[in-house]
Amino acid sequence: MREVSTFAEIEDEFLARVRTMVYCRAATIDVDQRPRSRVLHPVWEDRTGWVTTGPKTAKAAQLALNPFMSLAFIADPFKPVYVECLATWQNDPDTRLRIWDLYKKFDVDLSISWGDVESSIYAVLRLEPWRIELYDLLDQSNRKVWQNDQEVKLT
């Protein structure tokens, strides 16, 4: 395993992997402190991820109690990507529209799930990683970990 000191050192490989894998398993913690997972489709701008979701879901209730999520991208079981992040709601009109349009760049039509950008069932989560691991099962010396938990704090 190789610890990297800056996100820039893994950025290209990280973005290539998550954009190829597209879907991830996302885990939160429920009210009884048990993990709960589901499949999500985040899109990434540099190291910031964006997820569209419903504001009245189990995930929303769990994030209200503990805003941290763990993501696992596993399309290639020998080269998974693990992302530990802080999830925060970003539901101002400008962000909602910007993320709606960002998903279009990845050929995702959000209207299928959410109707339109002003829908009350459409919400946006910002994912700020504090740890990213680019795993390589076949070559452990190529396993890279970036961690910066100083930047991601609860306020």
C-alpha atoms as a PDB file:
ATOM      1  CA  MET A   1       0.000   0.000   0.000  1.00  0.00           C
ATOM      2  CA  ARG A   2       1.177   3.482  -0.836  1.00  0.00           C
ATOM      3  CA  GLU A   3      -0.151   6.494   1.058  1.00  0.00           C
ATOM      4  CA  VAL A   4      -0.383   9.558  -1.145  1.00  0.00           C
ATOM      5  CA  SER A   5      -0.267  13.046   0.293  1.00  0.00           C
ATOM      6  CA  THR A   6      -2.427  14.883  -2.250  1.00  0.00           C
ATOM      7  CA  PHE A   7      -5.611  14.002  -4.083  1.00  0.00           C
ATOM      8  CA  ALA A   8      -3.922  15.133  -7.317  1.00  0.00           C
ATOM      9  CA  GLU A   9      -1.689  12.041  -7.138  1.00  0.00           C
ATOM     10  CA  ILE A  10      -4.705   9.729  -7.578  1.00  0.00           C
ATOM     11  CA  GLU A  11      -7.209  12.035  -9.278  1.00  0.00           C
ATOM     12  CA  ASP A  12      -6.962  10.682 -12.842  1.00  0.00           C
ATOM     13  CA  GLU A  13      -7.103   7.034 -11.791  1.00  0.00           C
ATOM     14  CA  PHE A  14      -9.893   7.708  -9.271  1.00  0.00           C
ATOM     15  CA  LEU A  15     -12.086   9.529 -11.795  1.00  0.00           C
ATOM     16  CA  ALA A  16     -11.434   6.921 -14.491  1.00  0.00           C
ATOM     17  CA  ARG A  17     -12.435   4.094 -12.163  1.00  0.00           C
ATOM     18  CA  VAL A  18     -15.574   5.654 -10.657  1.00  0.00           C
ATOM     19  CA  ARG A  19     -16.785   6.889 -14.034  1.00  0.00           C
ATOM     20  CA  THR A  20     -16.327   3.406 -15.489  1.00  0.00           C
ATOM     21  CA  MET A  21     -18.011   1.658 -12.571  1.00  0.00           C
ATOM     22  CA  VAL A  22     -20.802   4.301 -12.306  1.00  0.00           C
ATOM     23  CA  TYR A  23     -22.818   2.640  -9.496  1.00  0.00           C
ATOM     24  CA  CYS A  24     -21.625   2.073  -5.963  1.00  0.00           C
ATOM     25  CA  ARG A  25     -22.781   0.472  -2.747  1.00  0.00           C
ATOM     26  CA  ALA A  26     -23.340   3.173  -0.134  1.00  0.00           C
ATOM     27  CA  ALA A  27     -23.599   2.511   3.586  1.00  0.00           C
ATOM     28  CA  THR A  28     -24.990   4.694   6.345  1.00  0.00           C
ATOM     29  CA  ILE A  29     -25.660   3.992  10.021  1.00  0.00           C
ATOM     30  CA  ASP A  30     -29.257   3.540  11.193  1.00  0.00           C
ATOM     31  CA  VAL A  31     -30.790   4.702  14.502  1.00  0.00           C
ATOM     32  CA  ASP A  32     -29.708   1.459  16.195  1.00  0.00           C
ATOM     33  CA  GLN A  33     -26.096   1.963  15.045  1.00  0.00           C
ATOM     34  CA  ARG A  34     -26.352  -0.802  12.421  1.00  0.00           C
ATOM     35  CA  PRO A  35     -24.996  -0.372   8.885  1.00  0.00           C
ATOM     36  CA  ARG A  36     -27.523   0.012   6.089  1.00  0.00           C
ATOM     37  CA  SER A  37     -26.496  -0.120   2.440  1.00  0.00           C
ATOM     38  CA  ARG A  38     -28.034   0.682  -0.906  1.00  0.00           C
ATOM     39  CA  VAL A  39     -26.950   1.334  -4.496  1.00  0.00           C
ATOM     40  CA  LEU A  40     -26.256   4.918  -5.562  1.00  0.00           C
ATOM     41  CA  HIS A  41     -25.154   6.654  -8.747  1.00  0.00           C
ATOM     42  CA  PRO A  42     -22.920   9.560  -7.770  1.00  0.00           C
ATOM     43  CA  VAL A  43     -21.286  11.830 -10.316  1.00  0.00           C
ATOM     44  CA  TRP A  44     -17.911  13.386  -9.565  1.00  0.00           C
ATOM     45  CA  GLU A  45     -16.367  16.805 -10.059  1.00  0.00           C
ATOM     46  CA  ASP A  46     -12.750  16.372  -9.074  1.00  0.00           C
ATOM     47  CA  ARG A  47     -12.982  14.894  -5.574  1.00  0.00           C
ATOM     48  CA  THR A  48     -16.500  16.127  -4.838  1.00  0.00           C
ATOM     49  CA  GLY A  49     -19.312  13.676  -5.445  1.00  0.00           C
ATOM     50  CA  TRP A  50     -22.969  14.513  -6.037  1.00  0.00           C
ATOM     51  CA  VAL A  51     -25.966  12.245  -5.461  1.00  0.00           C
ATOM     52  CA  THR A  52     -29.617  12.900  -6.182  1.00  0.00           C
ATOM     53  CA  THR A  53     -31.992  11.345  -3.713  1.00  0.00           C
ATOM     54  CA  GLY A  54     -35.300  11.771  -1.984  1.00  0.00           C
ATOM     55  CA  PRO A  55     -35.378  14.062   1.062  1.00  0.00           C
ATOM     56  CA  LYS A  56     -37.734  11.770   3.009  1.00  0.00           C
ATOM     57  CA  THR A  57     -35.925   8.441   2.617  1.00  0.00           C
ATOM     58  CA  ALA A  58     -34.395   6.155   5.232  1.00  0.00           C
ATOM     59  CA  LYS A  59     -31.026   7.392   3.980  1.00  0.00           C
ATOM     60  CA  ALA A  60     -32.028  11.008   4.733  1.00  0.00           C
ATOM     61  CA  ALA A  61     -33.128  10.090   8.271  1.00  0.00           C
ATOM     62  CA  GLN A  62     -29.895   8.182   8.884  1.00  0.00           C
ATOM     63  CA  LEU A  63     -27.735  11.033   7.566  1.00  0.00           C
ATOM     64  CA  ALA A  64     -29.521  13.424   9.924  1.00  0.00           C
ATOM     65  CA  LEU A  65     -28.129  11.368  12.818  1.00  0.00           C
ATOM     66  CA  ASN A  66     -24.726  10.564  11.308  1.00  0.00           C
ATOM     67  CA  PRO A  67     -23.726  12.398   8.115  1.00  0.00           C
ATOM     68  CA  PHE A  68     -20.932  10.018   7.120  1.00  0.00           C
ATOM     69  CA  MET A  69     -21.229   7.536   4.253  1.00  0.00           C
ATOM     70  CA  SER A  70     -19.023   4.714   3.029  1.00  0.00           C
ATOM     71  CA  LEU A  71     -19.019   3.998  -0.715  1.00  0.00           C
ATOM     72  CA  ALA A  72     -17.712   0.906  -2.504  1.00  0.00           C
ATOM     73  CA  PHE A  73     -17.375   0.829  -6.291  1.00  0.00           C
ATOM     74  CA  ILE A  74     -16.934  -2.823  -7.262  1.00  0.00           C
ATOM     75  CA  ALA A  75     -17.483  -3.380 -11.001  1.00  0.00           C
ATOM     76  CA  ASP A  76     -14.008  -4.949 -11.086  1.00  0.00           C
ATOM     77  CA  PRO A  77     -13.644  -7.076  -7.927  1.00  0.00           C
ATOM     78  CA  PHE A  78      -9.848  -6.953  -8.261  1.00  0.00           C
ATOM     79  CA  LYS A  79      -9.742  -3.138  -8.411  1.00  0.00           C
ATOM     80  CA  PRO A  80     -12.480  -1.729  -6.192  1.00  0.00           C
ATOM     81  CA  VAL A  81     -12.571   1.878  -5.059  1.00  0.00           C
ATOM     82  CA  TYR A  82     -13.533   2.761  -1.490  1.00  0.00           C
ATOM     83  CA  VAL A  83     -14.610   6.294  -0.559  1.00  0.00           C
ATOM     84  CA  GLU A  84     -15.324   7.463   2.992  1.00  0.00           C
ATOM     85  CA  CYS A  85     -17.097  10.805   2.970  1.00  0.00           C
ATOM     86  CA  LEU A  86     -19.186  13.423   4.688  1.00  0.00           C
ATOM     87  CA  ALA A  87     -22.617  13.905   3.077  1.00  0.00           C
ATOM     88  CA  THR A  88     -24.316  17.300   3.282  1.00  0.00           C
ATOM     89  CA  TRP A  89     -27.564  18.517   1.772  1.00  0.00           C
ATOM     90  CA  GLN A  90     -27.193  21.171  -0.931  1.00  0.00           C
ATOM     91  CA  ASN A  91     -30.722  22.136  -1.904  1.00  0.00           C
ATOM     92  CA  ASP A  92     -30.496  25.764  -2.903  1.00  0.00           C
ATOM     93  CA  PRO A  93     -32.089  26.361  -6.344  1.00  0.00           C
ATOM     94  CA  ASP A  94     -28.789  27.119  -8.105  1.00  0.00           C
ATOM     95  CA  THR A  95     -27.124  23.908  -6.897  1.00  0.00           C
ATOM     96  CA  ARG A  96     -30.198  21.812  -7.685  1.00  0.00           C
ATOM     97  CA  LEU A  97     -30.184  23.109 -11.278  1.00  0.00           C
ATOM     98  CA  ARG A  98     -26.398  22.803 -11.668  1.00  0.00           C
ATOM     99  CA  ILE A  99     -26.394  19.179 -10.505  1.00  0.00           C
ATOM    100  CA  TRP A 100     -29.440  18.406 -12.677  1.00  0.00           C
ATOM    101  CA  ASP A 101     -27.441  19.674 -15.659  1.00  0.00           C
ATOM    102  CA  LEU A 102     -24.272  17.897 -14.508  1.00  0.00           C
ATOM    103  CA  TYR A 103     -26.063  14.534 -14.608  1.00  0.00           C
ATOM    104  CA  LYS A 104     -27.100  15.304 -18.199  1.00  0.00           C
ATOM    105  CA  LYS A 105     -23.399  15.492 -19.123  1.00  0.00           C
ATOM    106  CA  PHE A 106     -23.170  11.854 -18.021  1.00  0.00           C
ATOM    107  CA  ASP A 107     -26.235  10.902 -20.119  1.00  0.00           C
ATOM    108  CA  VAL A 108     -28.488  10.553 -17.070  1.00  0.00           C
ATOM    109  CA  ASP A 109     -32.059  11.836 -17.388  1.00  0.00           C
ATOM    110  CA  LEU A 110     -33.086  12.733 -13.839  1.00  0.00           C
ATOM    111  CA  SER A 111     -36.632  13.501 -14.927  1.00  0.00           C
ATOM    112  CA  ILE A 112     -37.262   9.739 -15.056  1.00  0.00           C
ATOM    113  CA  SER A 113     -36.778   9.540 -11.281  1.00  0.00           C
ATOM    114  CA  TRP A 114     -37.603  13.026 -10.037  1.00  0.00           C
ATOM    115  CA  GLY A 115     -39.971  14.629 -12.554  1.00  0.00           C
ATOM    116  CA  ASP A 116     -38.368  18.051 -12.777  1.00  0.00           C
ATOM    117  CA  VAL A 117     -35.724  20.128 -11.032  1.00  0.00           C
ATOM    118  CA  GLU A 118     -38.309  21.882  -8.848  1.00  0.00           C
ATOM    119  CA  SER A 119     -39.889  18.659  -7.585  1.00  0.00           C
ATOM    120  CA  SER A 120     -40.219  18.337  -3.806  1.00  0.00           C
ATOM    121  CA  ILE A 121     -39.029  14.718  -4.064  1.00  0.00           C
ATOM    122  CA  TYR A 122     -35.698  15.770  -5.644  1.00  0.00           C
ATOM    123  CA  ALA A 123     -32.791  16.567  -3.340  1.00  0.00           C
ATOM    124  CA  VAL A 124     -29.017  16.823  -3.699  1.00  0.00           C
ATOM    125  CA  LEU A 125     -26.281  15.428  -1.476  1.00  0.00           C
ATOM    126  CA  ARG A 126     -22.705  16.674  -1.669  1.00  0.00           C
ATOM    127  CA  LEU A 127     -20.091  14.007  -0.886  1.00  0.00           C
ATOM    128  CA  GLU A 128     -16.787  15.276   0.511  1.00  0.00           C
ATOM    129  CA  PRO A 129     -14.286  12.415   0.849  1.00  0.00           C
ATOM    130  CA  TRP A 130     -11.913  12.260   3.764  1.00  0.00           C
ATOM    131  CA  ARG A 131     -10.414   8.946   2.585  1.00  0.00           C
ATOM    132  CA  ILE A 132     -10.140   7.321  -0.846  1.00  0.00           C
ATOM    133  CA  GLU A 133      -8.610   3.921  -1.458  1.00  0.00           C
ATOM    134  CA  LEU A 134      -7.768   2.627  -4.918  1.00  0.00           C
ATOM    135  CA  TYR A 135      -7.424  -1.058  -4.178  1.00  0.00           C
ATOM    136  CA  ASP A 136      -5.499  -3.500  -6.367  1.00  0.00           C
ATOM    137  CA  LEU A 137      -5.915  -7.103  -5.254  1.00  0.00           C
ATOM    138  CA  LEU A 138      -3.456  -8.474  -7.821  1.00  0.00           C
ATOM    139  CA  ASP A 139      -0.744  -5.919  -7.098  1.00  0.00           C
ATOM    140  CA  GLN A 140      -0.782  -4.753  -3.489  1.00  0.00           C
ATOM    141  CA  SER A 141       2.151  -2.424  -4.184  1.00  0.00           C
ATOM    142  CA  ASN A 142      -0.176  -0.521  -6.544  1.00  0.00           C
ATOM    143  CA  ARG A 143      -2.815   0.022  -3.822  1.00  0.00           C
ATOM    144  CA  LYS A 144      -3.107   3.758  -3.125  1.00  0.00           C
ATOM    145  CA  VAL A 145      -4.698   5.549  -0.181  1.00  0.00           C
ATOM    146  CA  TRP A 146      -5.346   9.268   0.094  1.00  0.00           C
ATOM    147  CA  GLN A 147      -6.584  10.522   3.430  1.00  0.00           C
ATOM    148  CA  ASN A 148      -7.283  13.996   4.701  1.00  0.00           C
ATOM    149  CA  ASP A 149      -9.656  13.858   7.635  1.00  0.00           C
ATOM    150  CA  GLN A 150      -8.511  17.330   8.724  1.00  0.00           C
ATOM    151  CA  GLU A 151     -10.478  18.954   5.864  1.00  0.00           C
ATOM    152  CA  VAL A 152     -13.756  17.118   6.473  1.00  0.00           C
ATOM    153  CA  LYS A 153     -15.152  17.989   9.879  1.00  0.00           C
ATOM    154  CA  LEU A 154     -18.618  18.421  11.271  1.00  0.00           C
ATOM    155  CA  THR A 155     -19.383  22.074  11.855  1.00  0.00           C
END
